[in-house]
Amino acid sequence: MAPRPWRGCSCEAVERMFLGFPTTKTYFPHFDFTHGSEQIKAHGKKVSEALTKAVGHLDDLPGALSTLSDLHAHKLRVDPVNFKLLSHCLLVTLANHHP
């Protein structure tokens, strides 16, 4: 299996998103936003798992991620711009660790 560089970076990227774009915190009113909190680690792990699933299903991304997409769009009502912010933070974090 190919290495997944985002595994160690997803938690840091989520934390970076909350620090750099504080409006994203509104979707997580119950979170402890201190450095290294368990909630941030858990959400970072979920991001990592979603990325791993996406890489494993490049031939059918919409099908592989449809449940997650529906959850964020319809139940959680997450503004799509937030995914661009997280993507940016993930790229910055990866570049920081893998120059």
C-alpha atoms as a PDB file:
ATOM      1  CA  MET A   1       0.000   0.000   0.000  1.00  0.00           C
ATOM      2  CA  ALA A   2       1.285   3.465  -0.898  1.00  0.00           C
ATOM      3  CA  PRO A   3       2.086   5.856   1.962  1.00  0.00           C
ATOM      4  CA  ARG A   4      -0.646   8.259   2.985  1.00  0.00           C
ATOM      5  CA  PRO A   5       1.119  11.503   3.958  1.00  0.00           C
ATOM      6  CA  TRP A   6      -2.127  13.098   5.139  1.00  0.00           C
ATOM      7  CA  ARG A   7      -2.550  10.622   8.000  1.00  0.00           C
ATOM      8  CA  GLY A   8      -0.218  12.538  10.281  1.00  0.00           C
ATOM      9  CA  CYS A   9      -1.267  15.910   8.907  1.00  0.00           C
ATOM     10  CA  SER A  10      -5.052  15.824   8.980  1.00  0.00           C
ATOM     11  CA  CYS A  11      -5.326  16.650  12.692  1.00  0.00           C
ATOM     12  CA  GLU A  12      -2.881  19.513  12.275  1.00  0.00           C
ATOM     13  CA  ALA A  13      -4.781  20.732   9.204  1.00  0.00           C
ATOM     14  CA  VAL A  14      -8.082  20.744  11.102  1.00  0.00           C
ATOM     15  CA  GLU A  15      -6.461  22.670  13.948  1.00  0.00           C
ATOM     16  CA  ARG A  16      -4.894  25.078  11.437  1.00  0.00           C
ATOM     17  CA  MET A  17      -8.314  25.617   9.846  1.00  0.00           C
ATOM     18  CA  PHE A  18      -9.892  26.508  13.188  1.00  0.00           C
ATOM     19  CA  LEU A  19      -7.050  28.914  13.968  1.00  0.00           C
ATOM     20  CA  GLY A  20      -6.838  30.529  10.544  1.00  0.00           C
ATOM     21  CA  PHE A  21     -10.545  30.593   9.775  1.00  0.00           C
ATOM     22  CA  PRO A  22     -12.379  30.948  13.104  1.00  0.00           C
ATOM     23  CA  THR A  23     -15.800  31.025  11.431  1.00  0.00           C
ATOM     24  CA  THR A  24     -15.403  27.279  10.822  1.00  0.00           C
ATOM     25  CA  LYS A  25     -15.742  26.751  14.579  1.00  0.00           C
ATOM     26  CA  THR A  26     -19.475  27.485  14.351  1.00  0.00           C
ATOM     27  CA  TYR A  27     -20.085  23.935  13.122  1.00  0.00           C
ATOM     28  CA  PHE A  28     -18.429  22.508  16.234  1.00  0.00           C
ATOM     29  CA  PRO A  29     -19.957  24.333  19.226  1.00  0.00           C
ATOM     30  CA  HIS A  30     -19.104  21.473  21.599  1.00  0.00           C
ATOM     31  CA  PHE A  31     -15.396  21.243  20.659  1.00  0.00           C
ATOM     32  CA  ASP A  32     -12.454  22.025  22.874  1.00  0.00           C
ATOM     33  CA  PHE A  33     -10.281  24.090  20.521  1.00  0.00           C
ATOM     34  CA  THR A  34      -7.098  23.937  22.591  1.00  0.00           C
ATOM     35  CA  HIS A  35      -3.983  22.538  20.925  1.00  0.00           C
ATOM     36  CA  GLY A  36      -4.116  18.748  20.725  1.00  0.00           C
ATOM     37  CA  SER A  37      -7.661  18.357  22.061  1.00  0.00           C
ATOM     38  CA  GLU A  38      -9.270  14.952  21.722  1.00  0.00           C
ATOM     39  CA  GLN A  39     -12.128  16.362  19.619  1.00  0.00           C
ATOM     40  CA  ILE A  40      -9.727  17.877  17.100  1.00  0.00           C
ATOM     41  CA  LYS A  41      -7.738  14.631  16.966  1.00  0.00           C
ATOM     42  CA  ALA A  42     -10.935  12.639  16.410  1.00  0.00           C
ATOM     43  CA  HIS A  43     -12.128  14.922  13.629  1.00  0.00           C
ATOM     44  CA  GLY A  44      -8.674  14.869  12.046  1.00  0.00           C
ATOM     45  CA  LYS A  45      -8.868  11.083  12.049  1.00  0.00           C
ATOM     46  CA  LYS A  46     -12.253  11.241  10.288  1.00  0.00           C
ATOM     47  CA  VAL A  47     -10.765  13.550   7.646  1.00  0.00           C
ATOM     48  CA  SER A  48      -7.871  11.136   7.178  1.00  0.00           C
ATOM     49  CA  GLU A  49     -10.238   8.185   6.816  1.00  0.00           C
ATOM     50  CA  ALA A  50     -12.305  10.057   4.212  1.00  0.00           C
ATOM     51  CA  LEU A  51      -9.175  10.916   2.216  1.00  0.00           C
ATOM     52  CA  THR A  52      -8.011   7.305   2.370  1.00  0.00           C
ATOM     53  CA  LYS A  53     -11.419   6.139   1.154  1.00  0.00           C
ATOM     54  CA  ALA A  54     -11.338   8.692  -1.674  1.00  0.00           C
ATOM     55  CA  VAL A  55      -7.908   7.521  -2.832  1.00  0.00           C
ATOM     56  CA  GLY A  56      -9.131   3.937  -2.803  1.00  0.00           C
ATOM     57  CA  HIS A  57     -12.098   4.815  -5.003  1.00  0.00           C
ATOM     58  CA  LEU A  58     -10.719   7.275  -7.547  1.00  0.00           C
ATOM     59  CA  ASP A  59     -12.749   5.533 -10.240  1.00  0.00           C
ATOM     60  CA  ASP A  60     -16.007   6.406  -8.418  1.00  0.00           C
ATOM     61  CA  LEU A  61     -15.501   9.318  -6.012  1.00  0.00           C
ATOM     62  CA  PRO A  62     -19.159  10.429  -6.046  1.00  0.00           C
ATOM     63  CA  GLY A  63     -20.334   6.941  -5.165  1.00  0.00           C
ATOM     64  CA  ALA A  64     -17.704   6.394  -2.503  1.00  0.00           C
ATOM     65  CA  LEU A  65     -18.318   9.716  -0.766  1.00  0.00           C
ATOM     66  CA  SER A  66     -22.057  10.188  -1.366  1.00  0.00           C
ATOM     67  CA  THR A  67     -23.071   9.340   2.205  1.00  0.00           C
ATOM     68  CA  LEU A  68     -20.494  11.733   3.635  1.00  0.00           C
ATOM     69  CA  SER A  69     -21.512  14.392   1.117  1.00  0.00           C
ATOM     70  CA  ASP A  70     -25.198  14.046   2.004  1.00  0.00           C
ATOM     71  CA  LEU A  71     -24.404  14.272   5.717  1.00  0.00           C
ATOM     72  CA  HIS A  72     -22.450  17.508   5.346  1.00  0.00           C
ATOM     73  CA  ALA A  73     -24.792  19.091   2.785  1.00  0.00           C
ATOM     74  CA  HIS A  74     -28.229  18.161   4.071  1.00  0.00           C
ATOM     75  CA  LYS A  75     -28.000  17.282   7.752  1.00  0.00           C
ATOM     76  CA  LEU A  76     -25.096  19.423   8.973  1.00  0.00           C
ATOM     77  CA  ARG A  77     -25.683  22.208   6.397  1.00  0.00           C
ATOM     78  CA  VAL A  78     -21.976  22.919   5.979  1.00  0.00           C
ATOM     79  CA  ASP A  79     -21.223  25.767   3.584  1.00  0.00           C
ATOM     80  CA  PRO A  80     -19.150  24.253   0.735  1.00  0.00           C
ATOM     81  CA  VAL A  81     -16.553  27.036   1.035  1.00  0.00           C
ATOM     82  CA  ASN A  82     -15.398  25.381   4.262  1.00  0.00           C
ATOM     83  CA  PHE A  83     -14.095  22.398   2.311  1.00  0.00           C
ATOM     84  CA  LYS A  84     -11.884  24.736   0.286  1.00  0.00           C
ATOM     85  CA  LEU A  85     -10.574  26.189   3.540  1.00  0.00           C
ATOM     86  CA  LEU A  86      -9.801  22.726   4.913  1.00  0.00           C
ATOM     87  CA  SER A  87      -8.199  21.754   1.606  1.00  0.00           C
ATOM     88  CA  HIS A  88      -5.997  24.850   1.760  1.00  0.00           C
ATOM     89  CA  CYS A  89      -4.985  24.047   5.337  1.00  0.00           C
ATOM     90  CA  LEU A  90      -4.202  20.458   4.407  1.00  0.00           C
ATOM     91  CA  LEU A  91      -1.995  21.604   1.507  1.00  0.00           C
ATOM     92  CA  VAL A  92      -0.162  24.093   3.749  1.00  0.00           C
ATOM     93  CA  THR A  93       0.367  21.407   6.386  1.00  0.00           C
ATOM     94  CA  LEU A  94       1.610  18.866   3.834  1.00  0.00           C
ATOM     95  CA  ALA A  95       3.977  21.450   2.320  1.00  0.00           C
ATOM     96  CA  ASN A  96       5.269  22.278   5.779  1.00  0.00           C
ATOM     97  CA  HIS A  97       6.060  18.622   6.537  1.00  0.00           C
ATOM     98  CA  HIS A  98       7.117  17.532   3.040  1.00  0.00           C
ATOM     99  CA  PRO A  99       8.921  20.497   1.427  1.00  0.00           C
END
